[in-house]
PDB file of N, CA and C in Angstrom:
ATOM      1  N   MET A   1      12.114 -59.980  76.714  1.00  0.00           N
ATOM      2  CA  MET A   1      13.044 -60.598  75.814  1.00  0.00           C
ATOM      3  C   MET A   1      14.174 -61.186  76.655  1.00  0.00           C
ATOM      4  N   SER A   2      14.671 -62.323  76.236  1.00  0.00           N
ATOM      5  CA  SER A   2      15.769 -62.972  76.951  1.00  0.00           C
ATOM      6  C   SER A   2      16.885 -63.324  75.973  1.00  0.00           C
ATOM      7  N   LEU A   3      18.109 -63.142  76.441  1.00  0.00           N
ATOM      8  CA  LEU A   3      19.295 -63.579  75.696  1.00  0.00           C
ATOM      9  C   LEU A   3      19.918 -64.732  76.454  1.00  0.00           C
ATOM     10  N   PHE A   4      20.312 -65.756  75.729  1.00  0.00           N
ATOM     11  CA  PHE A   4      20.919 -66.928  76.343  1.00  0.00           C
ATOM     12  C   PHE A   4      22.360 -67.034  75.866  1.00  0.00           C
ATOM     13  N   GLY A   5      23.313 -66.968  76.810  1.00  0.00           N
ATOM     14  CA  GLY A   5      24.730 -67.023  76.486  1.00  0.00           C
ATOM     15  C   GLY A   5      25.254 -68.444  76.427  1.00  0.00           C
ATOM     16  N   ARG A   6      26.435 -68.579  75.894  1.00  0.00           N
ATOM     17  CA  ARG A   6      27.062 -69.894  75.735  1.00  0.00           C
ATOM     18  C   ARG A   6      27.363 -70.561  77.064  1.00  0.00           C
ATOM     19  N   GLU A   7      27.661 -69.783  78.076  1.00  0.00           N
ATOM     20  CA  GLU A   7      28.022 -70.344  79.381  1.00  0.00           C
ATOM     21  C   GLU A   7      26.792 -70.571  80.261  1.00  0.00           C
ATOM     22  N   GLY A   8      25.611 -70.541  79.670  1.00  0.00           N
ATOM     23  CA  GLY A   8      24.393 -70.741  80.429  1.00  0.00           C
ATOM     24  C   GLY A   8      23.884 -69.492  81.121  1.00  0.00           C
ATOM     25  N   ILE A   9      24.485 -68.361  80.798  1.00  0.00           N
ATOM     26  CA  ILE A   9      24.058 -67.091  81.378  1.00  0.00           C
ATOM     27  C   ILE A   9      22.849 -66.582  80.608  1.00  0.00           C
ATOM     28  N   THR A  10      21.836 -66.149  81.345  1.00  0.00           N
ATOM     29  CA  THR A  10      20.621 -65.607  80.737  1.00  0.00           C
ATOM     30  C   THR A  10      20.462 -64.148  81.138  1.00  0.00           C
ATOM     31  N   LEU A  11      20.135 -63.311  80.182  1.00  0.00           N
ATOM     32  CA  LEU A  11      19.837 -61.911  80.444  1.00  0.00           C
ATOM     33  C   LEU A  11      18.383 -61.673  80.075  1.00  0.00           C
ATOM     34  N   ASP A  12      17.577 -61.317  81.059  1.00  0.00           N
ATOM     35  CA  ASP A  12      16.171 -61.003  80.815  1.00  0.00           C
ATOM     36  C   ASP A  12      16.008 -59.497  80.708  1.00  0.00           C
ATOM     37  N   ILE A  13      15.475 -59.053  79.588  1.00  0.00           N
ATOM     38  CA  ILE A  13      15.270 -57.632  79.340  1.00  0.00           C
ATOM     39  C   ILE A  13      13.791 -57.334  79.570  1.00  0.00           C
ATOM     40  N   PRO A  14      13.493 -56.423  80.500  1.00  0.00           N
ATOM     41  CA  PRO A  14      12.084 -56.142  80.783  1.00  0.00           C
ATOM     42  C   PRO A  14      11.370 -55.524  79.577  1.00  0.00           C
ATOM     43  N   ALA A  15      10.091 -55.766  79.495  1.00  0.00           N
ATOM     44  CA  ALA A  15       9.294 -55.222  78.398  1.00  0.00           C
ATOM     45  C   ALA A  15       9.229 -53.707  78.501  1.00  0.00           C
ATOM     46  N   TYR A  16       9.331 -53.051  77.369  1.00  0.00           N
ATOM     47  CA  TYR A  16       9.139 -51.613  77.308  1.00  0.00           C
ATOM     48  C   TYR A  16       7.625 -51.377  77.331  1.00  0.00           C
ATOM     49  N   PRO A  17       7.147 -50.410  78.089  1.00  0.00           N
ATOM     50  CA  PRO A  17       5.697 -50.216  78.209  1.00  0.00           C
ATOM     51  C   PRO A  17       5.028 -49.936  76.861  1.00  0.00           C
ATOM     52  N   ALA A  18       3.952 -50.656  76.612  1.00  0.00           N
ATOM     53  CA  ALA A  18       3.220 -50.449  75.363  1.00  0.00           C
ATOM     54  C   ALA A  18       1.784 -50.917  75.521  1.00  0.00           C
ATOM     55  N   GLU A  19       0.873 -50.129  74.999  1.00  0.00           N
ATOM     56  CA  GLU A  19      -0.522 -50.559  74.889  1.00  0.00           C
ATOM     57  C   GLU A  19      -0.634 -51.261  73.539  1.00  0.00           C
ATOM     58  N   VAL A  20      -0.693 -52.578  73.582  1.00  0.00           N
ATOM     59  CA  VAL A  20      -0.629 -53.376  72.359  1.00  0.00           C
ATOM     60  C   VAL A  20      -1.938 -53.275  71.586  1.00  0.00           C
ATOM     61  N   ARG A  21      -1.810 -52.909  70.316  1.00  0.00           N
ATOM     62  CA  ARG A  21      -2.963 -52.854  69.419  1.00  0.00           C
ATOM     63  C   ARG A  21      -2.900 -53.955  68.378  1.00  0.00           C
ATOM     64  N   ASP A  22      -1.685 -54.234  67.892  1.00  0.00           N
ATOM     65  CA  ASP A  22      -1.529 -55.214  66.819  1.00  0.00           C
ATOM     66  C   ASP A  22      -0.080 -55.691  66.826  1.00  0.00           C
ATOM     67  N   THR A  23       0.121 -57.000  66.862  1.00  0.00           N
ATOM     68  CA  THR A  23       1.475 -57.544  66.937  1.00  0.00           C
ATOM     69  C   THR A  23       2.092 -57.873  65.580  1.00  0.00           C
ATOM     70  N   ILE A  24       1.347 -57.616  64.506  1.00  0.00           N
ATOM     71  CA  ILE A  24       1.879 -57.909  63.172  1.00  0.00           C
ATOM     72  C   ILE A  24       3.158 -57.092  62.945  1.00  0.00           C
ATOM     73  N   GLY A  25       4.223 -57.764  62.583  1.00  0.00           N
ATOM     74  CA  GLY A  25       5.485 -57.098  62.283  1.00  0.00           C
ATOM     75  C   GLY A  25       6.417 -56.920  63.465  1.00  0.00           C
ATOM     76  N   ALA A  26       5.951 -57.249  64.661  1.00  0.00           N
ATOM     77  CA  ALA A  26       6.808 -57.054  65.841  1.00  0.00           C
ATOM     78  C   ALA A  26       8.060 -57.927  65.773  1.00  0.00           C
ATOM     79  N   GLY A  27       7.904 -59.166  65.379  1.00  0.00           N
ATOM     80  CA  GLY A  27       9.056 -60.071  65.279  1.00  0.00           C
ATOM     81  C   GLY A  27      10.027 -59.628  64.205  1.00  0.00           C
ATOM     82  N   ASP A  28       9.496 -59.178  63.077  1.00  0.00           N
ATOM     83  CA  ASP A  28      10.361 -58.664  62.013  1.00  0.00           C
ATOM     84  C   ASP A  28      11.122 -57.427  62.482  1.00  0.00           C
ATOM     85  N   THR A  29      10.437 -56.582  63.250  1.00  0.00           N
ATOM     86  CA  THR A  29      11.077 -55.384  63.788  1.00  0.00           C
ATOM     87  C   THR A  29      12.214 -55.757  64.728  1.00  0.00           C
ATOM     88  N   VAL A  30      11.975 -56.735  65.601  1.00  0.00           N
ATOM     89  CA  VAL A  30      13.019 -57.190  66.525  1.00  0.00           C
ATOM     90  C   VAL A  30      14.216 -57.730  65.736  1.00  0.00           C
ATOM     91  N   THR A  31      13.952 -58.577  64.774  1.00  0.00           N
ATOM     92  CA  THR A  31      15.034 -59.185  63.997  1.00  0.00           C
ATOM     93  C   THR A  31      15.863 -58.134  63.262  1.00  0.00           C
ATOM     94  N   ALA A  32      15.191 -57.226  62.584  1.00  0.00           N
ATOM     95  CA  ALA A  32      15.895 -56.207  61.811  1.00  0.00           C
ATOM     96  C   ALA A  32      16.674 -55.252  62.715  1.00  0.00           C
ATOM     97  N   THR A  33      16.066 -54.825  63.808  1.00  0.00           N
ATOM     98  CA  THR A  33      16.727 -53.879  64.704  1.00  0.00           C
ATOM     99  C   THR A  33      17.901 -54.530  65.420  1.00  0.00           C
ATOM    100  N   PHE A  34      17.720 -55.766  65.863  1.00  0.00           N
ATOM    101  CA  PHE A  34      18.797 -56.496  66.530  1.00  0.00           C
ATOM    102  C   PHE A  34      19.977 -56.692  65.572  1.00  0.00           C
ATOM    103  N   ALA A  35      19.685 -57.116  64.343  1.00  0.00           N
ATOM    104  CA  ALA A  35      20.745 -57.327  63.351  1.00  0.00           C
ATOM    105  C   ALA A  35      21.461 -56.024  63.022  1.00  0.00           C
ATOM    106  N   LEU A  36      20.713 -54.932  62.895  1.00  0.00           N
ATOM    107  CA  LEU A  36      21.329 -53.637  62.619  1.00  0.00           C
ATOM    108  C   LEU A  36      22.230 -53.220  63.774  1.00  0.00           C
ATOM    109  N   GLY A  37      21.768 -53.437  64.993  1.00  0.00           N
ATOM    110  CA  GLY A  37      22.587 -53.118  66.157  1.00  0.00           C
ATOM    111  C   GLY A  37      23.900 -53.881  66.149  1.00  0.00           C
ATOM    112  N   LEU A  38      23.824 -55.182  65.915  1.00  0.00           N
ATOM    113  CA  LEU A  38      25.042 -55.990  65.872  1.00  0.00           C
ATOM    114  C   LEU A  38      25.958 -55.567  64.730  1.00  0.00           C
ATOM    115  N   ALA A  39      25.363 -55.260  63.576  1.00  0.00           N
ATOM    116  CA  ALA A  39      26.159 -54.866  62.408  1.00  0.00           C
ATOM    117  C   ALA A  39      26.890 -53.546  62.626  1.00  0.00           C
ATOM    118  N   THR A  40      26.360 -52.715  63.506  1.00  0.00           N
ATOM    119  CA  THR A  40      26.995 -51.426  63.765  1.00  0.00           C
ATOM    120  C   THR A  40      27.886 -51.450  65.002  1.00  0.00           C
ATOM    121  N   GLY A  41      28.091 -52.648  65.572  1.00  0.00           N
ATOM    122  CA  GLY A  41      29.040 -52.792  66.665  1.00  0.00           C
ATOM    123  C   GLY A  41      28.465 -52.779  68.063  1.00  0.00           C
ATOM    124  N   ALA A  42      27.144 -52.788  68.192  1.00  0.00           N
ATOM    125  CA  ALA A  42      26.534 -52.796  69.530  1.00  0.00           C
ATOM    126  C   ALA A  42      26.743 -54.154  70.191  1.00  0.00           C
ATOM    127  N   ALA A  43      26.833 -54.142  71.502  1.00  0.00           N
ATOM    128  CA  ALA A  43      26.868 -55.396  72.261  1.00  0.00           C
ATOM    129  C   ALA A  43      25.503 -56.070  72.132  1.00  0.00           C
ATOM    130  N   MET A  44      25.488 -57.382  72.280  1.00  0.00           N
ATOM    131  CA  MET A  44      24.230 -58.117  72.128  1.00  0.00           C
ATOM    132  C   MET A  44      23.138 -57.587  73.069  1.00  0.00           C
ATOM    133  N   ALA A  45      23.498 -57.298  74.308  1.00  0.00           N
ATOM    134  CA  ALA A  45      22.502 -56.813  75.276  1.00  0.00           C
ATOM    135  C   ALA A  45      21.933 -55.465  74.842  1.00  0.00           C
ATOM    136  N   ASP A  46      22.791 -54.587  74.335  1.00  0.00           N
ATOM    137  CA  ASP A  46      22.320 -53.283  73.874  1.00  0.00           C
ATOM    138  C   ASP A  46      21.450 -53.415  72.631  1.00  0.00           C
ATOM    139  N   ALA A  47      21.873 -54.250  71.692  1.00  0.00           N
ATOM    140  CA  ALA A  47      21.083 -54.468  70.478  1.00  0.00           C
ATOM    141  C   ALA A  47      19.720 -55.058  70.813  1.00  0.00           C
ATOM    142  N   ALA A  48      19.680 -55.987  71.750  1.00  0.00           N
ATOM    143  CA  ALA A  48      18.408 -56.602  72.143  1.00  0.00           C
ATOM    144  C   ALA A  48      17.504 -55.598  72.849  1.00  0.00           C
ATOM    145  N   THR A  49      18.077 -54.753  73.671  1.00  0.00           N
ATOM    146  CA  THR A  49      17.282 -53.742  74.364  1.00  0.00           C
ATOM    147  C   THR A  49      16.664 -52.767  73.374  1.00  0.00           C
ATOM    148  N   ILE A  50      17.443 -52.315  72.413  1.00  0.00           N
ATOM    149  CA  ILE A  50      16.924 -51.386  71.403  1.00  0.00           C
ATOM    150  C   ILE A  50      15.875 -52.073  70.535  1.00  0.00           C
ATOM    151  N   ALA A  51      16.096 -53.335  70.198  1.00  0.00           N
ATOM    152  CA  ALA A  51      15.111 -54.085  69.419  1.00  0.00           C
ATOM    153  C   ALA A  51      13.812 -54.247  70.193  1.00  0.00           C
ATOM    154  N   ASN A  52      13.910 -54.462  71.485  1.00  0.00           N
ATOM    155  CA  ASN A  52      12.744 -54.589  72.345  1.00  0.00           C
ATOM    156  C   ASN A  52      11.929 -53.290  72.339  1.00  0.00           C
ATOM    157  N   VAL A  53      12.618 -52.165  72.423  1.00  0.00           N
ATOM    158  CA  VAL A  53      11.943 -50.861  72.393  1.00  0.00           C
ATOM    159  C   VAL A  53      11.287 -50.642  71.029  1.00  0.00           C
ATOM    160  N   ALA A  54      11.990 -50.961  69.957  1.00  0.00           N
ATOM    161  CA  ALA A  54      11.434 -50.779  68.616  1.00  0.00           C
ATOM    162  C   ALA A  54      10.152 -51.587  68.436  1.00  0.00           C
ATOM    163  N   ALA A  55      10.152 -52.820  68.917  1.00  0.00           N
ATOM    164  CA  ALA A  55       8.952 -53.652  68.805  1.00  0.00           C
ATOM    165  C   ALA A  55       7.803 -53.062  69.612  1.00  0.00           C
ATOM    166  N   ALA A  56       8.107 -52.533  70.786  1.00  0.00           N
ATOM    167  CA  ALA A  56       7.058 -51.917  71.605  1.00  0.00           C
ATOM    168  C   ALA A  56       6.435 -50.726  70.897  1.00  0.00           C
ATOM    169  N   LEU A  57       7.234 -50.008  70.142  1.00  0.00           N
ATOM    170  CA  LEU A  57       6.703 -48.852  69.422  1.00  0.00           C
ATOM    171  C   LEU A  57       5.775 -49.270  68.285  1.00  0.00           C
ATOM    172  N   VAL A  58       6.105 -50.342  67.580  1.00  0.00           N
ATOM    173  CA  VAL A  58       5.265 -50.725  66.440  1.00  0.00           C
ATOM    174  C   VAL A  58       3.986 -51.449  66.857  1.00  0.00           C
ATOM    175  N   VAL A  59       3.991 -52.130  67.990  1.00  0.00           N
ATOM    176  CA  VAL A  59       2.761 -52.833  68.387  1.00  0.00           C
ATOM    177  C   VAL A  59       1.691 -51.867  68.888  1.00  0.00           C
ATOM    178  N   ARG A  60       2.040 -50.625  69.068  1.00  0.00           N
ATOM    179  CA  ARG A  60       1.061 -49.606  69.472  1.00  0.00           C
ATOM    180  C   ARG A  60       0.184 -49.173  68.306  1.00  0.00           C
ATOM    181  N   ARG A  61       0.553 -49.565  67.103  1.00  0.00           N
ATOM    182  CA  ARG A  61      -0.170 -49.157  65.893  1.00  0.00           C
ATOM    183  C   ARG A  61      -0.898 -50.350  65.271  1.00  0.00           C
ATOM    184  N   MET A  62      -1.916 -50.059  64.507  1.00  0.00           N
ATOM    185  CA  MET A  62      -2.640 -51.112  63.796  1.00  0.00           C
ATOM    186  C   MET A  62      -1.908 -51.446  62.494  1.00  0.00           C
ATOM    187  N   GLY A  63      -1.929 -52.723  62.158  1.00  0.00           N
ATOM    188  CA  GLY A  63      -1.328 -53.165  60.908  1.00  0.00           C
ATOM    189  C   GLY A  63       0.172 -53.327  61.031  1.00  0.00           C
ATOM    190  N   CYS A  64       0.775 -53.630  59.905  1.00  0.00           N
ATOM    191  CA  CYS A  64       2.231 -53.809  59.864  1.00  0.00           C
ATOM    192  C   CYS A  64       2.876 -52.429  59.867  1.00  0.00           C
ATOM    193  N   ALA A  65       3.295 -51.995  61.033  1.00  0.00           N
ATOM    194  CA  ALA A  65       3.778 -50.626  61.220  1.00  0.00           C
ATOM    195  C   ALA A  65       5.294 -50.581  61.296  1.00  0.00           C
ATOM    196  N   THR A  66       5.802 -49.368  61.243  1.00  0.00           N
ATOM    197  CA  THR A  66       7.237 -49.134  61.404  1.00  0.00           C
ATOM    198  C   THR A  66       7.441 -48.039  62.451  1.00  0.00           C
ATOM    199  N   THR A  67       8.668 -47.844  62.810  1.00  0.00           N
ATOM    200  CA  THR A  67       9.041 -46.728  63.666  1.00  0.00           C
ATOM    201  C   THR A  67      10.096 -45.911  62.932  1.00  0.00           C
ATOM    202  N   THR A  68      10.270 -44.696  63.332  1.00  0.00           N
ATOM    203  CA  THR A  68      11.288 -43.860  62.699  1.00  0.00           C
ATOM    204  C   THR A  68      12.536 -43.844  63.570  1.00  0.00           C
ATOM    205  N   PRO A  69      13.675 -43.533  62.991  1.00  0.00           N
ATOM    206  CA  PRO A  69      14.882 -43.422  63.810  1.00  0.00           C
ATOM    207  C   PRO A  69      14.725 -42.410  64.945  1.00  0.00           C
ATOM    208  N   ASP A  70      14.099 -41.268  64.659  1.00  0.00           N
ATOM    209  CA  ASP A  70      13.916 -40.253  65.700  1.00  0.00           C
ATOM    210  C   ASP A  70      13.030 -40.755  66.836  1.00  0.00           C
ATOM    211  N   GLU A  71      11.952 -41.437  66.486  1.00  0.00           N
ATOM    212  CA  GLU A  71      11.059 -41.980  67.510  1.00  0.00           C
ATOM    213  C   GLU A  71      11.792 -43.007  68.379  1.00  0.00           C
ATOM    214  N   LEU A  72      12.576 -43.850  67.742  1.00  0.00           N
ATOM    215  CA  LEU A  72      13.331 -44.866  68.472  1.00  0.00           C
ATOM    216  C   LEU A  72      14.389 -44.220  69.376  1.00  0.00           C
ATOM    217  N   LEU A  73      15.080 -43.221  68.868  1.00  0.00           N
ATOM    218  CA  LEU A  73      16.085 -42.520  69.674  1.00  0.00           C
ATOM    219  C   LEU A  73      15.458 -41.862  70.905  1.00  0.00           C
ATOM    220  N   ARG A  74      14.294 -41.228  70.729  1.00  0.00           N
ATOM    221  CA  ARG A  74      13.613 -40.604  71.867  1.00  0.00           C
ATOM    222  C   ARG A  74      13.219 -41.642  72.903  1.00  0.00           C
ATOM    223  N   ALA A  75      12.684 -42.778  72.447  1.00  0.00           N
ATOM    224  CA  ALA A  75      12.244 -43.834  73.373  1.00  0.00           C
ATOM    225  C   ALA A  75      13.431 -44.438  74.124  1.00  0.00           C
ATOM    226  N   VAL A  76      14.546 -44.638  73.439  1.00  0.00           N
ATOM    227  CA  VAL A  76      15.739 -45.181  74.095  1.00  0.00           C
ATOM    228  C   VAL A  76      16.293 -44.166  75.090  1.00  0.00           C
ATOM    229  N   ALA A  77      16.262 -42.897  74.739  1.00  0.00           N
ATOM    230  CA  ALA A  77      16.731 -41.852  75.656  1.00  0.00           C
ATOM    231  C   ALA A  77      15.862 -41.824  76.911  1.00  0.00           C
ATOM    232  N   GLU A  78      14.556 -41.971  76.759  1.00  0.00           N
ATOM    233  CA  GLU A  78      13.650 -42.037  77.916  1.00  0.00           C
ATOM    234  C   GLU A  78      13.979 -43.238  78.791  1.00  0.00           C
ATOM    235  N   LEU A  79      14.277 -44.340  78.156  1.00  0.00           N
ATOM    236  CA  LEU A  79      14.612 -45.556  78.875  1.00  0.00           C
ATOM    237  C   LEU A  79      15.900 -45.369  79.672  1.00  0.00           C
ATOM    238  N   GLU A  80      16.887 -44.727  79.076  1.00  0.00           N
ATOM    239  CA  GLU A  80      18.168 -44.498  79.752  1.00  0.00           C
ATOM    240  C   GLU A  80      17.996 -43.590  80.966  1.00  0.00           C
ATOM    241  N   THR A  81      17.131 -42.592  80.882  1.00  0.00           N
ATOM    242  CA  THR A  81      16.935 -41.705  82.027  1.00  0.00           C
ATOM    243  C   THR A  81      16.134 -42.402  83.136  1.00  0.00           C
ATOM    244  N   ALA A  82      15.326 -43.388  82.770  1.00  0.00           N
ATOM    245  CA  ALA A  82      14.563 -44.134  83.770  1.00  0.00           C
ATOM    246  C   ALA A  82      15.464 -45.060  84.574  1.00  0.00           C
ATOM    247  N   TRP A  83      16.596 -45.491  83.982  1.00  0.00           N
ATOM    248  CA  TRP A  83      17.523 -46.390  84.671  1.00  0.00           C
ATOM    249  C   TRP A  83      18.389 -45.571  85.555  1.00  0.00           C
TER     250      TRP A  83
END
């Protein structure tokens, strides 16, 4: 995922590891998670990173899937310890 800033600055967010089974709903997941992040005061980079993780979680499942808050929190915590 990439964010493009007004001053021409680009932030590339690496893909969260996922064995992709079905991409249905991944874009909706990114949009909803990113918007929720921004609405709750997250910086754009943080909201995009969390949205990226959420999408990786849903593409691991068949069909239009969702993730739970607990699952997302665990995945983000794993990501933070990897950095």
